[in-house]
Amino acid sequence: MIYIELDQLCKKLNHYPADRLARLEKYGTATEQRDDLYLERITLYNRLSHYQTARMLLSARQFHPWEEGEGKVVG
């Protein structure tokens, strides 16, 4: 899947968080399937002060630890 790589590139190029979130929302099915994309979406909601949405998404998902990613959800 290239969505996470595209979002990471946009992040490094300082694209607006709202634009990045809109892109992830546009491809919602993909973000629902992957913990890393789902977590990035939550992070963007937090950055945009949409705390309730971020909290709702965070509590609605059971995350699965993956190599070197175990601490991202806690962080």
PDB file of N, CA and C in Angstrom:
ATOM      1  N   MET A   1       0.822  -1.177   0.000  1.00  0.00           N
ATOM      2  CA  MET A   1       0.000   0.000   0.000  1.00  0.00           C
ATOM      3  C   MET A   1       0.874   1.251   0.000  1.00  0.00           C
ATOM      4  N   ILE A   2       0.563   2.161  -0.840  1.00  0.00           N
ATOM      5  CA  ILE A   2       1.402   3.352  -0.931  1.00  0.00           C
ATOM      6  C   ILE A   2       0.847   4.529  -0.137  1.00  0.00           C
ATOM      7  N   TYR A   3      -0.321   4.388   0.451  1.00  0.00           N
ATOM      8  CA  TYR A   3      -0.926   5.520   1.158  1.00  0.00           C
ATOM      9  C   TYR A   3      -0.069   5.996   2.319  1.00  0.00           C
ATOM     10  N   ILE A   4       0.512   5.081   3.088  1.00  0.00           N
ATOM     11  CA  ILE A   4       1.329   5.505   4.226  1.00  0.00           C
ATOM     12  C   ILE A   4       2.587   6.204   3.736  1.00  0.00           C
ATOM     13  N   GLU A   5       3.184   5.700   2.652  1.00  0.00           N
ATOM     14  CA  GLU A   5       4.377   6.342   2.114  1.00  0.00           C
ATOM     15  C   GLU A   5       4.053   7.731   1.565  1.00  0.00           C
ATOM     16  N   LEU A   6       2.921   7.856   0.908  1.00  0.00           N
ATOM     17  CA  LEU A   6       2.497   9.159   0.392  1.00  0.00           C
ATOM     18  C   LEU A   6       2.273  10.127   1.542  1.00  0.00           C
ATOM     19  N   ASP A   7       1.617   9.679   2.591  1.00  0.00           N
ATOM     20  CA  ASP A   7       1.373  10.573   3.724  1.00  0.00           C
ATOM     21  C   ASP A   7       2.674  10.957   4.419  1.00  0.00           C
ATOM     22  N   GLN A   8       3.600  10.016   4.537  1.00  0.00           N
ATOM     23  CA  GLN A   8       4.890  10.342   5.147  1.00  0.00           C
ATOM     24  C   GLN A   8       5.645  11.373   4.316  1.00  0.00           C
ATOM     25  N   LEU A   9       5.578  11.263   3.004  1.00  0.00           N
ATOM     26  CA  LEU A   9       6.211  12.249   2.128  1.00  0.00           C
ATOM     27  C   LEU A   9       5.558  13.617   2.317  1.00  0.00           C
ATOM     28  N   CYS A  10       4.242  13.642   2.341  1.00  0.00           N
ATOM     29  CA  CYS A  10       3.531  14.908   2.539  1.00  0.00           C
ATOM     30  C   CYS A  10       3.876  15.529   3.890  1.00  0.00           C
ATOM     31  N   LYS A  11       4.034  14.700   4.884  1.00  0.00           N
ATOM     32  CA  LYS A  11       4.422  15.173   6.217  1.00  0.00           C
ATOM     33  C   LYS A  11       5.806  15.820   6.166  1.00  0.00           C
ATOM     34  N   LYS A  12       6.752  15.166   5.502  1.00  0.00           N
ATOM     35  CA  LYS A  12       8.109  15.704   5.383  1.00  0.00           C
ATOM     36  C   LYS A  12       8.156  16.990   4.567  1.00  0.00           C
ATOM     37  N   LEU A  13       7.225  17.122   3.624  1.00  0.00           N
ATOM     38  CA  LEU A  13       7.164  18.319   2.789  1.00  0.00           C
ATOM     39  C   LEU A  13       6.307  19.418   3.421  1.00  0.00           C
ATOM     40  N   ASN A  14       5.907  19.196   4.670  1.00  0.00           N
ATOM     41  CA  ASN A  14       5.126  20.176   5.444  1.00  0.00           C
ATOM     42  C   ASN A  14       3.790  20.526   4.813  1.00  0.00           C
ATOM     43  N   HIS A  15       3.112  19.532   4.241  1.00  0.00           N
ATOM     44  CA  HIS A  15       1.754  19.781   3.758  1.00  0.00           C
ATOM     45  C   HIS A  15       0.858  20.054   4.959  1.00  0.00           C
ATOM     46  N   TYR A  16      -0.168  20.830   4.744  1.00  0.00           N
ATOM     47  CA  TYR A  16      -1.090  21.157   5.821  1.00  0.00           C
ATOM     48  C   TYR A  16      -1.742  19.898   6.378  1.00  0.00           C
ATOM     49  N   PRO A  17      -1.836  19.813   7.700  1.00  0.00           N
ATOM     50  CA  PRO A  17      -2.490  18.651   8.305  1.00  0.00           C
ATOM     51  C   PRO A  17      -3.920  18.440   7.788  1.00  0.00           C
ATOM     52  N   ALA A  18      -4.644  19.510   7.557  1.00  0.00           N
ATOM     53  CA  ALA A  18      -6.019  19.378   7.050  1.00  0.00           C
ATOM     54  C   ALA A  18      -6.038  18.721   5.668  1.00  0.00           C
ATOM     55  N   ASP A  19      -5.065  19.043   4.833  1.00  0.00           N
ATOM     56  CA  ASP A  19      -4.983  18.427   3.506  1.00  0.00           C
ATOM     57  C   ASP A  19      -4.641  16.946   3.608  1.00  0.00           C
ATOM     58  N   ARG A  20      -3.715  16.632   4.517  1.00  0.00           N
ATOM     59  CA  ARG A  20      -3.346  15.233   4.714  1.00  0.00           C
ATOM     60  C   ARG A  20      -4.526  14.436   5.243  1.00  0.00           C
ATOM     61  N   LEU A  21      -5.261  15.016   6.190  1.00  0.00           N
ATOM     62  CA  LEU A  21      -6.420  14.335   6.748  1.00  0.00           C
ATOM     63  C   LEU A  21      -7.491  14.124   5.676  1.00  0.00           C
ATOM     64  N   ALA A  22      -7.713  15.128   4.858  1.00  0.00           N
ATOM     65  CA  ALA A  22      -8.708  15.002   3.782  1.00  0.00           C
ATOM     66  C   ALA A  22      -8.346  13.852   2.845  1.00  0.00           C
ATOM     67  N   ARG A  23      -7.057  13.699   2.552  1.00  0.00           N
ATOM     68  CA  ARG A  23      -6.622  12.609   1.681  1.00  0.00           C
ATOM     69  C   ARG A  23      -6.864  11.259   2.350  1.00  0.00           C
ATOM     70  N   LEU A  24      -6.533  11.156   3.627  1.00  0.00           N
ATOM     71  CA  LEU A  24      -6.754   9.894   4.338  1.00  0.00           C
ATOM     72  C   LEU A  24      -8.244   9.586   4.453  1.00  0.00           C
ATOM     73  N   GLU A  25      -9.057  10.602   4.638  1.00  0.00           N
ATOM     74  CA  GLU A  25     -10.505  10.404   4.708  1.00  0.00           C
ATOM     75  C   GLU A  25     -11.060   9.951   3.351  1.00  0.00           C
ATOM     76  N   LYS A  26     -10.483  10.495   2.296  1.00  0.00           N
ATOM     77  CA  LYS A  26     -10.932  10.134   0.951  1.00  0.00           C
ATOM     78  C   LYS A  26     -10.743   8.639   0.689  1.00  0.00           C
ATOM     79  N   TYR A  27      -9.670   8.100   1.237  1.00  0.00           N
ATOM     80  CA  TYR A  27      -9.373   6.681   1.076  1.00  0.00           C
ATOM     81  C   TYR A  27      -9.646   5.949   2.384  1.00  0.00           C
ATOM     82  N   GLY A  28     -10.803   6.196   2.954  1.00  0.00           N
ATOM     83  CA  GLY A  28     -11.179   5.668   4.261  1.00  0.00           C
ATOM     84  C   GLY A  28     -11.072   4.170   4.396  1.00  0.00           C
ATOM     85  N   THR A  29     -11.426   3.435   3.360  1.00  0.00           N
ATOM     86  CA  THR A  29     -11.354   1.977   3.424  1.00  0.00           C
ATOM     87  C   THR A  29      -9.933   1.518   3.689  1.00  0.00           C
ATOM     88  N   ALA A  30      -8.973   2.140   3.033  1.00  0.00           N
ATOM     89  CA  ALA A  30      -7.563   1.771   3.234  1.00  0.00           C
ATOM     90  C   ALA A  30      -7.112   2.115   4.645  1.00  0.00           C
ATOM     91  N   THR A  31      -7.535   3.260   5.160  1.00  0.00           N
ATOM     92  CA  THR A  31      -7.109   3.647   6.503  1.00  0.00           C
ATOM     93  C   THR A  31      -7.746   2.773   7.572  1.00  0.00           C
ATOM     94  N   GLU A  32      -8.892   2.202   7.270  1.00  0.00           N
ATOM     95  CA  GLU A  32      -9.536   1.298   8.223  1.00  0.00           C
ATOM     96  C   GLU A  32      -8.808  -0.038   8.303  1.00  0.00           C
ATOM     97  N   GLN A  33      -8.127  -0.423   7.257  1.00  0.00           N
ATOM     98  CA  GLN A  33      -7.478  -1.728   7.192  1.00  0.00           C
ATOM     99  C   GLN A  33      -6.106  -1.759   7.848  1.00  0.00           C
ATOM    100  N   ARG A  34      -5.472  -0.615   7.975  1.00  0.00           N
ATOM    101  CA  ARG A  34      -4.086  -0.590   8.466  1.00  0.00           C
ATOM    102  C   ARG A  34      -3.964   0.237   9.733  1.00  0.00           C
ATOM    103  N   ASP A  35      -3.329  -0.331  10.754  1.00  0.00           N
ATOM    104  CA  ASP A  35      -3.144   0.394  12.005  1.00  0.00           C
ATOM    105  C   ASP A  35      -2.339   1.669  11.819  1.00  0.00           C
ATOM    106  N   ASP A  36      -1.302   1.632  10.988  1.00  0.00           N
ATOM    107  CA  ASP A  36      -0.445   2.805  10.839  1.00  0.00           C
ATOM    108  C   ASP A  36      -1.211   3.984  10.220  1.00  0.00           C
ATOM    109  N   LEU A  37      -2.024   3.717   9.214  1.00  0.00           N
ATOM    110  CA  LEU A  37      -2.829   4.781   8.607  1.00  0.00           C
ATOM    111  C   LEU A  37      -3.919   5.269   9.561  1.00  0.00           C
ATOM    112  N   TYR A  38      -4.528   4.341  10.254  1.00  0.00           N
ATOM    113  CA  TYR A  38      -5.580   4.688  11.209  1.00  0.00           C
ATOM    114  C   TYR A  38      -5.009   5.579  12.307  1.00  0.00           C
ATOM    115  N   LEU A  39      -3.839   5.227  12.795  1.00  0.00           N
ATOM    116  CA  LEU A  39      -3.190   6.002  13.848  1.00  0.00           C
ATOM    117  C   LEU A  39      -2.762   7.376  13.343  1.00  0.00           C
ATOM    118  N   GLU A  40      -2.294   7.457  12.113  1.00  0.00           N
ATOM    119  CA  GLU A  40      -1.923   8.759  11.550  1.00  0.00           C
ATOM    120  C   GLU A  40      -3.149   9.653  11.422  1.00  0.00           C
ATOM    121  N   ARG A  41      -4.258   9.055  11.069  1.00  0.00           N
ATOM    122  CA  ARG A  41      -5.522   9.803  10.983  1.00  0.00           C
ATOM    123  C   ARG A  41      -5.912  10.361  12.352  1.00  0.00           C
ATOM    124  N   ILE A  42      -5.786   9.554  13.394  1.00  0.00           N
ATOM    125  CA  ILE A  42      -6.067  10.012  14.756  1.00  0.00           C
ATOM    126  C   ILE A  42      -5.131  11.151  15.135  1.00  0.00           C
ATOM    127  N   THR A  43      -3.858  11.007  14.802  1.00  0.00           N
ATOM    128  CA  THR A  43      -2.872  12.041  15.102  1.00  0.00           C
ATOM    129  C   THR A  43      -3.236  13.358  14.422  1.00  0.00           C
ATOM    130  N   LEU A  44      -3.682  13.284  13.185  1.00  0.00           N
ATOM    131  CA  LEU A  44      -4.070  14.498  12.469  1.00  0.00           C
ATOM    132  C   LEU A  44      -5.304  15.139  13.097  1.00  0.00           C
ATOM    133  N   TYR A  45      -6.267  14.336  13.522  1.00  0.00           N
ATOM    134  CA  TYR A  45      -7.426  14.899  14.224  1.00  0.00           C
ATOM    135  C   TYR A  45      -6.970  15.641  15.481  1.00  0.00           C
ATOM    136  N   ASN A  46      -6.037  15.065  16.218  1.00  0.00           N
ATOM    137  CA  ASN A  46      -5.499  15.733  17.407  1.00  0.00           C
ATOM    138  C   ASN A  46      -4.822  17.046  17.047  1.00  0.00           C
ATOM    139  N   ARG A  47      -3.993  17.035  16.015  1.00  0.00           N
ATOM    140  CA  ARG A  47      -3.286  18.255  15.604  1.00  0.00           C
ATOM    141  C   ARG A  47      -4.248  19.362  15.190  1.00  0.00           C
ATOM    142  N   LEU A  48      -5.406  18.954  14.682  1.00  0.00           N
ATOM    143  CA  LEU A  48      -6.406  19.932  14.230  1.00  0.00           C
ATOM    144  C   LEU A  48      -7.434  20.245  15.317  1.00  0.00           C
ATOM    145  N   SER A  49      -7.146  19.829  16.540  1.00  0.00           N
ATOM    146  CA  SER A  49      -7.980  20.093  17.722  1.00  0.00           C
ATOM    147  C   SER A  49      -9.359  19.441  17.659  1.00  0.00           C
ATOM    148  N   HIS A  50      -9.472  18.348  16.949  1.00  0.00           N
ATOM    149  CA  HIS A  50     -10.711  17.563  16.917  1.00  0.00           C
ATOM    150  C   HIS A  50     -10.547  16.400  17.900  1.00  0.00           C
ATOM    151  N   TYR A  51     -10.456  16.761  19.169  1.00  0.00           N
ATOM    152  CA  TYR A  51     -10.105  15.794  20.196  1.00  0.00           C
ATOM    153  C   TYR A  51     -11.164  14.714  20.397  1.00  0.00           C
ATOM    154  N   GLN A  52     -12.427  15.085  20.319  1.00  0.00           N
ATOM    155  CA  GLN A  52     -13.492  14.110  20.509  1.00  0.00           C
ATOM    156  C   GLN A  52     -13.454  13.030  19.432  1.00  0.00           C
ATOM    157  N   THR A  53     -13.259  13.456  18.191  1.00  0.00           N
ATOM    158  CA  THR A  53     -13.184  12.498  17.087  1.00  0.00           C
ATOM    159  C   THR A  53     -11.984  11.576  17.268  1.00  0.00           C
ATOM    160  N   ALA A  54     -10.850  12.162  17.626  1.00  0.00           N
ATOM    161  CA  ALA A  54      -9.642  11.365  17.848  1.00  0.00           C
ATOM    162  C   ALA A  54      -9.868  10.348  18.964  1.00  0.00           C
ATOM    163  N   ARG A  55     -10.471  10.798  20.035  1.00  0.00           N
ATOM    164  CA  ARG A  55     -10.724   9.903  21.172  1.00  0.00           C
ATOM    165  C   ARG A  55     -11.681   8.780  20.781  1.00  0.00           C
ATOM    166  N   MET A  56     -12.731   9.131  20.047  1.00  0.00           N
ATOM    167  CA  MET A  56     -13.701   8.133  19.627  1.00  0.00           C
ATOM    168  C   MET A  56     -13.035   7.067  18.753  1.00  0.00           C
ATOM    169  N   LEU A  57     -12.216   7.513  17.786  1.00  0.00           N
ATOM    170  CA  LEU A  57     -11.540   6.571  16.900  1.00  0.00           C
ATOM    171  C   LEU A  57     -10.550   5.697  17.673  1.00  0.00           C
ATOM    172  N   LEU A  58      -9.841   6.317  18.598  1.00  0.00           N
ATOM    173  CA  LEU A  58      -8.853   5.583  19.378  1.00  0.00           C
ATOM    174  C   LEU A  58      -9.503   4.504  20.235  1.00  0.00           C
ATOM    175  N   SER A  59     -10.622   4.834  20.842  1.00  0.00           N
ATOM    176  CA  SER A  59     -11.273   3.858  21.716  1.00  0.00           C
ATOM    177  C   SER A  59     -12.049   2.787  20.937  1.00  0.00           C
ATOM    178  N   ALA A  60     -12.334   3.057  19.665  1.00  0.00           N
ATOM    179  CA  ALA A  60     -13.118   2.117  18.870  1.00  0.00           C
ATOM    180  C   ALA A  60     -12.275   1.034  18.206  1.00  0.00           C
ATOM    181  N   ARG A  61     -10.974   1.141  18.317  1.00  0.00           N
ATOM    182  CA  ARG A  61     -10.112   0.211  17.588  1.00  0.00           C
ATOM    183  C   ARG A  61      -9.253  -0.606  18.530  1.00  0.00           C
ATOM    184  N   GLN A  62      -9.075  -1.849  18.183  1.00  0.00           N
ATOM    185  CA  GLN A  62      -8.111  -2.691  18.886  1.00  0.00           C
ATOM    186  C   GLN A  62      -6.859  -2.751  18.021  1.00  0.00           C
ATOM    187  N   PHE A  63      -5.797  -2.155  18.511  1.00  0.00           N
ATOM    188  CA  PHE A  63      -4.553  -2.107  17.758  1.00  0.00           C
ATOM    189  C   PHE A  63      -3.762  -3.380  17.976  1.00  0.00           C
ATOM    190  N   HIS A  64      -3.005  -3.743  16.952  1.00  0.00           N
ATOM    191  CA  HIS A  64      -2.163  -4.931  17.002  1.00  0.00           C
ATOM    192  C   HIS A  64      -0.706  -4.481  16.945  1.00  0.00           C
ATOM    193  N   PRO A  65       0.098  -4.903  17.908  1.00  0.00           N
ATOM    194  CA  PRO A  65       1.505  -4.493  17.889  1.00  0.00           C
ATOM    195  C   PRO A  65       2.232  -5.065  16.679  1.00  0.00           C
ATOM    196  N   TRP A  66       3.093  -4.255  16.122  1.00  0.00           N
ATOM    197  CA  TRP A  66       3.918  -4.689  15.008  1.00  0.00           C
ATOM    198  C   TRP A  66       5.351  -4.297  15.306  1.00  0.00           C
ATOM    199  N   GLU A  67       6.269  -4.809  14.576  1.00  0.00           N
ATOM    200  CA  GLU A  67       7.688  -4.588  14.842  1.00  0.00           C
ATOM    201  C   GLU A  67       8.002  -3.102  14.897  1.00  0.00           C
ATOM    202  N   GLU A  68       8.581  -2.669  16.015  1.00  0.00           N
ATOM    203  CA  GLU A  68       9.007  -1.299  16.272  1.00  0.00           C
ATOM    204  C   GLU A  68       7.850  -0.310  16.362  1.00  0.00           C
ATOM    205  N   GLY A  69       6.613  -0.750  16.319  1.00  0.00           N
ATOM    206  CA  GLY A  69       5.500   0.160  16.396  1.00  0.00           C
ATOM    207  C   GLY A  69       4.692   0.049  17.673  1.00  0.00           C
ATOM    208  N   GLU A  70       5.176  -0.730  18.625  1.00  0.00           N
ATOM    209  CA  GLU A  70       4.397  -1.020  19.826  1.00  0.00           C
ATOM    210  C   GLU A  70       4.087   0.231  20.627  1.00  0.00           C
ATOM    211  N   GLY A  71       4.965   1.211  20.653  1.00  0.00           N
ATOM    212  CA  GLY A  71       4.766   2.389  21.492  1.00  0.00           C
ATOM    213  C   GLY A  71       4.011   3.522  20.854  1.00  0.00           C
ATOM    214  N   LYS A  72       3.687   3.443  19.596  1.00  0.00           N
ATOM    215  CA  LYS A  72       3.055   4.560  18.911  1.00  0.00           C
ATOM    216  C   LYS A  72       1.656   4.859  19.442  1.00  0.00           C
ATOM    217  N   VAL A  73       0.887   3.855  19.743  1.00  0.00           N
ATOM    218  CA  VAL A  73      -0.472   4.080  20.231  1.00  0.00           C
ATOM    219  C   VAL A  73      -0.415   4.727  21.613  1.00  0.00           C
ATOM    220  N   VAL A  74       0.452   4.234  22.460  1.00  0.00           N
ATOM    221  CA  VAL A  74       0.581   4.796  23.805  1.00  0.00           C
ATOM    222  C   VAL A  74       1.055   6.240  23.723  1.00  0.00           C
ATOM    223  N   GLY A  75       1.984   6.514  22.834  1.00  0.00           N
ATOM    224  CA  GLY A  75       2.524   7.868  22.676  1.00  0.00           C
ATOM    225  C   GLY A  75       1.489   8.815  22.148  1.00  0.00           C
TER     226      GLY A  75
END
